[in-house]
């Protein structure tokens, strides 16, 4: 019905190391239906085909259990924590484009 249920975007162009960070938000009424996973897969599959991209990054509040479960389900590695000026503490998860392609090429 063309209703907007959330948003997803990259945080800019790849950095000097080829890292791309993604942001995601799903409206509360639509959570728990697989939309976040599907959106992430689509965006990551596309960006993995772009020149200069070698690393995928996802940051999330450690208290956002649903998002933490999603990123862990993808098999991303927890590499540390950062303090976001707006959101406070965020856990940092990363996966190389090479590993992503190996894991999700056939899915």
N, C-alpha and C. Protein backbone atom coordinates (compact mmCIF):
# COMPACT_ATOMS: atom_id res chain seq x y z
N UNK A 1 0.81 -1.21 0.00
CA UNK A 1 0.00 0.00 0.00
C UNK A 1 0.85 1.27 0.00
N UNK A 2 2.16 1.11 -0.24
CA UNK A 2 3.10 2.23 -0.35
C UNK A 2 3.28 3.00 0.97
N UNK A 3 2.96 2.37 2.09
CA UNK A 3 3.14 3.00 3.39
C UNK A 3 4.61 2.92 3.80
N UNK A 4 5.16 4.00 4.29
CA UNK A 4 6.54 4.02 4.76
C UNK A 4 6.58 3.35 6.13
N UNK A 5 7.45 2.32 6.24
CA UNK A 5 7.54 1.58 7.50
C UNK A 5 8.88 1.78 8.19
N UNK A 6 9.77 2.54 7.56
CA UNK A 6 11.08 2.79 8.17
C UNK A 6 12.00 3.46 7.18
N UNK A 7 13.26 3.50 7.54
CA UNK A 7 14.26 4.10 6.66
C UNK A 7 15.59 3.38 6.83
N UNK A 8 16.39 3.44 5.78
CA UNK A 8 17.72 2.84 5.81
C UNK A 8 18.61 3.68 4.91
N UNK A 9 19.84 3.91 5.35
CA UNK A 9 20.76 4.70 4.53
C UNK A 9 22.19 4.45 4.97
N UNK A 10 23.11 4.73 4.05
CA UNK A 10 24.52 4.70 4.41
C UNK A 10 24.89 6.04 5.02
N UNK A 11 25.89 6.04 5.87
CA UNK A 11 26.31 7.25 6.57
C UNK A 11 27.27 8.10 5.74
N UNK A 12 27.32 7.87 4.45
CA UNK A 12 28.21 8.63 3.58
C UNK A 12 28.91 7.72 2.60
N UNK A 13 29.98 8.22 2.05
CA UNK A 13 30.79 7.44 1.11
C UNK A 13 31.78 6.58 1.89
N UNK A 14 32.39 5.59 1.23
CA UNK A 14 33.39 4.79 1.95
C UNK A 14 34.49 5.67 2.51
N UNK A 15 34.95 5.35 3.72
CA UNK A 15 36.06 6.12 4.29
C UNK A 15 37.38 5.70 3.62
N UNK A 16 38.48 6.22 4.11
CA UNK A 16 39.79 5.96 3.50
C UNK A 16 40.19 4.49 3.56
N UNK A 17 39.52 3.72 4.43
CA UNK A 17 39.80 2.29 4.54
C UNK A 17 38.76 1.43 3.80
N UNK A 18 37.83 2.07 3.11
CA UNK A 18 36.80 1.33 2.39
C UNK A 18 35.63 0.88 3.24
N UNK A 19 35.47 1.49 4.41
CA UNK A 19 34.40 1.10 5.32
C UNK A 19 33.12 1.89 5.01
N UNK A 20 32.00 1.14 4.99
CA UNK A 20 30.68 1.74 4.82
C UNK A 20 29.84 1.42 6.04
N UNK A 21 29.28 2.47 6.64
CA UNK A 21 28.39 2.29 7.78
C UNK A 21 26.96 2.51 7.34
N UNK A 22 26.06 1.74 7.92
CA UNK A 22 24.65 1.81 7.55
C UNK A 22 23.81 2.16 8.77
N UNK A 23 22.72 2.87 8.54
CA UNK A 23 21.77 3.20 9.59
C UNK A 23 20.40 2.68 9.22
N UNK A 24 19.63 2.28 10.20
CA UNK A 24 18.35 1.63 9.95
C UNK A 24 17.36 2.00 11.04
N UNK A 25 16.12 2.21 10.66
CA UNK A 25 15.05 2.42 11.63
C UNK A 25 13.75 1.87 11.08
N UNK A 26 13.08 1.03 11.83
CA UNK A 26 11.79 0.46 11.45
C UNK A 26 10.75 0.96 12.46
N UNK A 27 9.63 1.47 11.94
CA UNK A 27 8.56 1.95 12.82
C UNK A 27 8.09 0.82 13.73
N UNK A 28 7.79 1.17 14.96
CA UNK A 28 7.48 0.17 15.99
C UNK A 28 6.39 -0.82 15.56
N UNK A 29 5.36 -0.36 14.89
CA UNK A 29 4.25 -1.23 14.50
C UNK A 29 4.67 -2.31 13.50
N UNK A 30 5.83 -2.12 12.85
CA UNK A 30 6.27 -3.05 11.81
C UNK A 30 7.47 -3.89 12.22
N UNK A 31 7.91 -3.75 13.44
CA UNK A 31 9.06 -4.51 13.91
C UNK A 31 8.70 -5.97 14.13
N UNK A 32 9.70 -6.83 13.99
CA UNK A 32 9.50 -8.25 14.24
C UNK A 32 8.94 -9.03 13.06
N UNK A 33 8.95 -8.42 11.88
CA UNK A 33 8.42 -9.09 10.69
C UNK A 33 9.49 -9.38 9.64
N UNK A 34 10.75 -9.14 9.98
CA UNK A 34 11.83 -9.42 9.04
C UNK A 34 12.20 -8.29 8.10
N UNK A 35 11.54 -7.14 8.23
CA UNK A 35 11.83 -6.02 7.34
C UNK A 35 13.26 -5.49 7.51
N UNK A 36 13.73 -5.43 8.73
CA UNK A 36 15.09 -4.92 8.97
C UNK A 36 16.12 -5.83 8.31
N UNK A 37 15.99 -7.12 8.49
CA UNK A 37 16.94 -8.06 7.89
C UNK A 37 16.91 -7.96 6.37
N UNK A 38 15.73 -7.90 5.79
CA UNK A 38 15.60 -7.81 4.34
C UNK A 38 16.21 -6.51 3.80
N UNK A 39 15.96 -5.41 4.49
CA UNK A 39 16.51 -4.12 4.07
C UNK A 39 18.03 -4.12 4.16
N UNK A 40 18.57 -4.63 5.25
CA UNK A 40 20.02 -4.70 5.41
C UNK A 40 20.65 -5.56 4.33
N UNK A 41 20.08 -6.73 4.09
CA UNK A 41 20.62 -7.62 3.05
C UNK A 41 20.65 -6.92 1.69
N UNK A 42 19.58 -6.26 1.35
CA UNK A 42 19.51 -5.57 0.06
C UNK A 42 20.55 -4.47 -0.08
N UNK A 43 20.66 -3.66 0.93
CA UNK A 43 21.63 -2.55 0.89
C UNK A 43 23.06 -3.08 0.88
N UNK A 44 23.36 -4.06 1.73
CA UNK A 44 24.72 -4.60 1.77
C UNK A 44 25.08 -5.32 0.48
N UNK A 45 24.14 -6.07 -0.08
CA UNK A 45 24.43 -6.75 -1.35
C UNK A 45 24.77 -5.73 -2.43
N UNK A 46 24.03 -4.64 -2.47
CA UNK A 46 24.30 -3.62 -3.47
C UNK A 46 25.67 -2.96 -3.23
N UNK A 47 25.92 -2.53 -2.00
CA UNK A 47 27.15 -1.78 -1.73
C UNK A 47 28.39 -2.65 -1.90
N UNK A 48 28.24 -3.96 -1.73
CA UNK A 48 29.37 -4.87 -1.92
C UNK A 48 29.82 -4.92 -3.38
N UNK A 49 29.00 -4.42 -4.29
CA UNK A 49 29.37 -4.38 -5.70
C UNK A 49 30.02 -3.06 -6.10
N UNK A 50 30.10 -2.13 -5.16
CA UNK A 50 30.61 -0.80 -5.47
C UNK A 50 32.12 -0.73 -5.27
N UNK A 51 32.80 -0.01 -6.17
CA UNK A 51 34.26 0.11 -6.04
C UNK A 51 34.68 0.81 -4.75
N UNK A 52 35.75 0.34 -4.18
CA UNK A 52 36.33 0.97 -3.00
C UNK A 52 35.73 0.55 -1.68
N UNK A 53 34.72 -0.32 -1.68
CA UNK A 53 34.09 -0.77 -0.44
C UNK A 53 34.69 -2.11 -0.05
N UNK A 54 35.25 -2.18 1.16
CA UNK A 54 35.87 -3.41 1.61
C UNK A 54 35.39 -3.87 2.99
N UNK A 55 34.68 -2.99 3.72
CA UNK A 55 34.27 -3.32 5.09
C UNK A 55 32.87 -2.76 5.34
N UNK A 56 32.01 -3.57 5.98
CA UNK A 56 30.67 -3.16 6.36
C UNK A 56 30.65 -2.92 7.86
N UNK A 57 29.97 -1.85 8.27
CA UNK A 57 29.90 -1.52 9.70
C UNK A 57 28.47 -1.22 10.09
N UNK A 58 28.13 -1.66 11.30
CA UNK A 58 26.81 -1.41 11.88
C UNK A 58 27.05 -1.02 13.34
N UNK A 59 26.51 0.09 13.76
CA UNK A 59 26.63 0.50 15.16
C UNK A 59 25.24 0.53 15.79
N UNK A 60 25.18 0.14 17.05
CA UNK A 60 23.89 0.00 17.72
C UNK A 60 24.06 0.16 19.22
N UNK A 61 23.06 0.75 19.83
CA UNK A 61 23.05 0.85 21.29
C UNK A 61 23.02 -0.55 21.87
N UNK A 62 23.84 -0.82 22.88
CA UNK A 62 23.83 -2.16 23.49
C UNK A 62 22.49 -2.50 24.15
N UNK A 63 21.64 -1.50 24.38
CA UNK A 63 20.33 -1.76 24.97
C UNK A 63 19.26 -2.05 23.92
N UNK A 64 19.60 -1.89 22.64
CA UNK A 64 18.66 -2.18 21.55
C UNK A 64 18.78 -3.67 21.20
N UNK A 65 18.19 -4.49 22.03
CA UNK A 65 18.36 -5.94 21.95
C UNK A 65 17.94 -6.50 20.59
N UNK A 66 16.86 -6.00 20.03
CA UNK A 66 16.38 -6.52 18.74
C UNK A 66 17.43 -6.28 17.65
N UNK A 67 17.99 -5.08 17.60
CA UNK A 67 19.01 -4.78 16.58
C UNK A 67 20.30 -5.56 16.83
N UNK A 68 20.66 -5.72 18.09
CA UNK A 68 21.85 -6.51 18.42
C UNK A 68 21.67 -7.94 17.93
N UNK A 69 20.49 -8.52 18.15
CA UNK A 69 20.22 -9.89 17.69
C UNK A 69 20.28 -9.99 16.17
N UNK A 70 19.78 -8.98 15.47
CA UNK A 70 19.82 -9.00 14.01
C UNK A 70 21.26 -9.02 13.52
N UNK A 71 22.09 -8.12 14.02
CA UNK A 71 23.46 -8.01 13.52
C UNK A 71 24.27 -9.25 13.93
N UNK A 72 24.04 -9.77 15.11
CA UNK A 72 24.71 -11.00 15.51
C UNK A 72 24.26 -12.17 14.66
N UNK A 73 23.00 -12.18 14.26
CA UNK A 73 22.48 -13.22 13.39
C UNK A 73 23.16 -13.23 12.02
N UNK A 74 23.59 -12.06 11.57
CA UNK A 74 24.33 -11.97 10.32
C UNK A 74 25.77 -12.46 10.48
N UNK A 75 26.23 -12.55 11.72
CA UNK A 75 27.60 -13.01 11.97
C UNK A 75 28.64 -11.92 11.98
N UNK A 76 28.22 -10.67 12.13
CA UNK A 76 29.18 -9.57 12.23
C UNK A 76 29.95 -9.70 13.53
N UNK A 77 31.18 -9.21 13.54
CA UNK A 77 32.05 -9.29 14.70
C UNK A 77 31.96 -8.00 15.52
N UNK A 78 31.77 -8.15 16.81
CA UNK A 78 31.79 -6.99 17.72
C UNK A 78 33.24 -6.56 17.88
N UNK A 79 33.56 -5.33 17.48
CA UNK A 79 34.95 -4.89 17.53
C UNK A 79 35.22 -3.82 18.57
N UNK A 80 34.18 -3.33 19.27
CA UNK A 80 34.40 -2.32 20.28
C UNK A 80 33.17 -1.48 20.50
N UNK A 81 33.40 -0.32 21.11
CA UNK A 81 32.31 0.59 21.43
C UNK A 81 32.76 2.01 21.16
N UNK A 82 31.80 2.87 20.82
CA UNK A 82 32.07 4.28 20.62
C UNK A 82 30.99 5.08 21.33
N UNK A 83 31.24 6.36 21.52
CA UNK A 83 30.24 7.24 22.10
C UNK A 83 29.74 8.15 20.98
N UNK A 84 28.45 8.02 20.66
CA UNK A 84 27.82 8.87 19.67
C UNK A 84 27.31 10.12 20.36
N UNK A 85 27.54 11.29 19.76
CA UNK A 85 27.15 12.56 20.38
C UNK A 85 25.65 12.63 20.64
N UNK A 86 24.84 12.03 19.78
CA UNK A 86 23.39 12.08 19.93
C UNK A 86 22.83 10.87 20.67
N UNK A 87 23.38 9.68 20.39
CA UNK A 87 22.78 8.44 20.89
C UNK A 87 23.49 7.82 22.09
N UNK A 88 24.66 8.34 22.45
CA UNK A 88 25.38 7.77 23.58
C UNK A 88 26.21 6.56 23.18
N UNK A 89 26.41 5.59 24.09
CA UNK A 89 27.25 4.43 23.79
C UNK A 89 26.66 3.57 22.67
N UNK A 90 27.52 3.16 21.76
CA UNK A 90 27.12 2.28 20.67
C UNK A 90 28.16 1.18 20.51
N UNK A 91 27.68 -0.05 20.33
CA UNK A 91 28.57 -1.16 20.00
C UNK A 91 28.85 -1.11 18.51
N UNK A 92 30.07 -1.46 18.12
CA UNK A 92 30.50 -1.43 16.73
C UNK A 92 30.65 -2.87 16.26
N UNK A 93 29.99 -3.19 15.14
CA UNK A 93 30.07 -4.51 14.52
C UNK A 93 30.57 -4.33 13.09
N UNK A 94 31.45 -5.22 12.65
CA UNK A 94 31.97 -5.15 11.29
C UNK A 94 32.06 -6.53 10.65
N UNK A 95 32.04 -6.52 9.32
CA UNK A 95 32.29 -7.71 8.52
C UNK A 95 32.91 -7.25 7.21
N UNK A 96 33.93 -7.98 6.75
CA UNK A 96 34.54 -7.63 5.48
C UNK A 96 33.58 -7.94 4.34
N UNK A 97 33.71 -7.20 3.25
CA UNK A 97 32.89 -7.45 2.07
C UNK A 97 33.14 -8.87 1.57
N UNK A 98 34.38 -9.30 1.61
CA UNK A 98 34.74 -10.65 1.18
C UNK A 98 33.98 -11.70 1.99
N UNK A 99 33.97 -11.56 3.31
CA UNK A 99 33.24 -12.51 4.16
C UNK A 99 31.74 -12.44 3.93
N UNK A 100 31.22 -11.23 3.75
CA UNK A 100 29.79 -11.06 3.50
C UNK A 100 29.39 -11.79 2.22
N UNK A 101 30.18 -11.60 1.17
CA UNK A 101 29.87 -12.25 -0.11
C UNK A 101 29.91 -13.78 0.01
N UNK A 102 30.89 -14.29 0.73
CA UNK A 102 30.98 -15.75 0.93
C UNK A 102 29.75 -16.27 1.68
N UNK A 103 29.31 -15.53 2.68
CA UNK A 103 28.24 -15.99 3.54
C UNK A 103 26.86 -15.82 2.89
N UNK A 104 26.67 -14.76 2.12
CA UNK A 104 25.34 -14.42 1.64
C UNK A 104 25.19 -14.41 0.12
N UNK A 105 26.14 -14.92 -0.61
CA UNK A 105 26.08 -14.92 -2.08
C UNK A 105 24.89 -15.72 -2.59
N UNK A 106 24.62 -16.85 -1.99
CA UNK A 106 23.57 -17.71 -2.49
C UNK A 106 22.22 -17.51 -1.86
N UNK A 107 22.12 -16.66 -0.86
CA UNK A 107 20.86 -16.50 -0.12
C UNK A 107 19.88 -15.66 -0.88
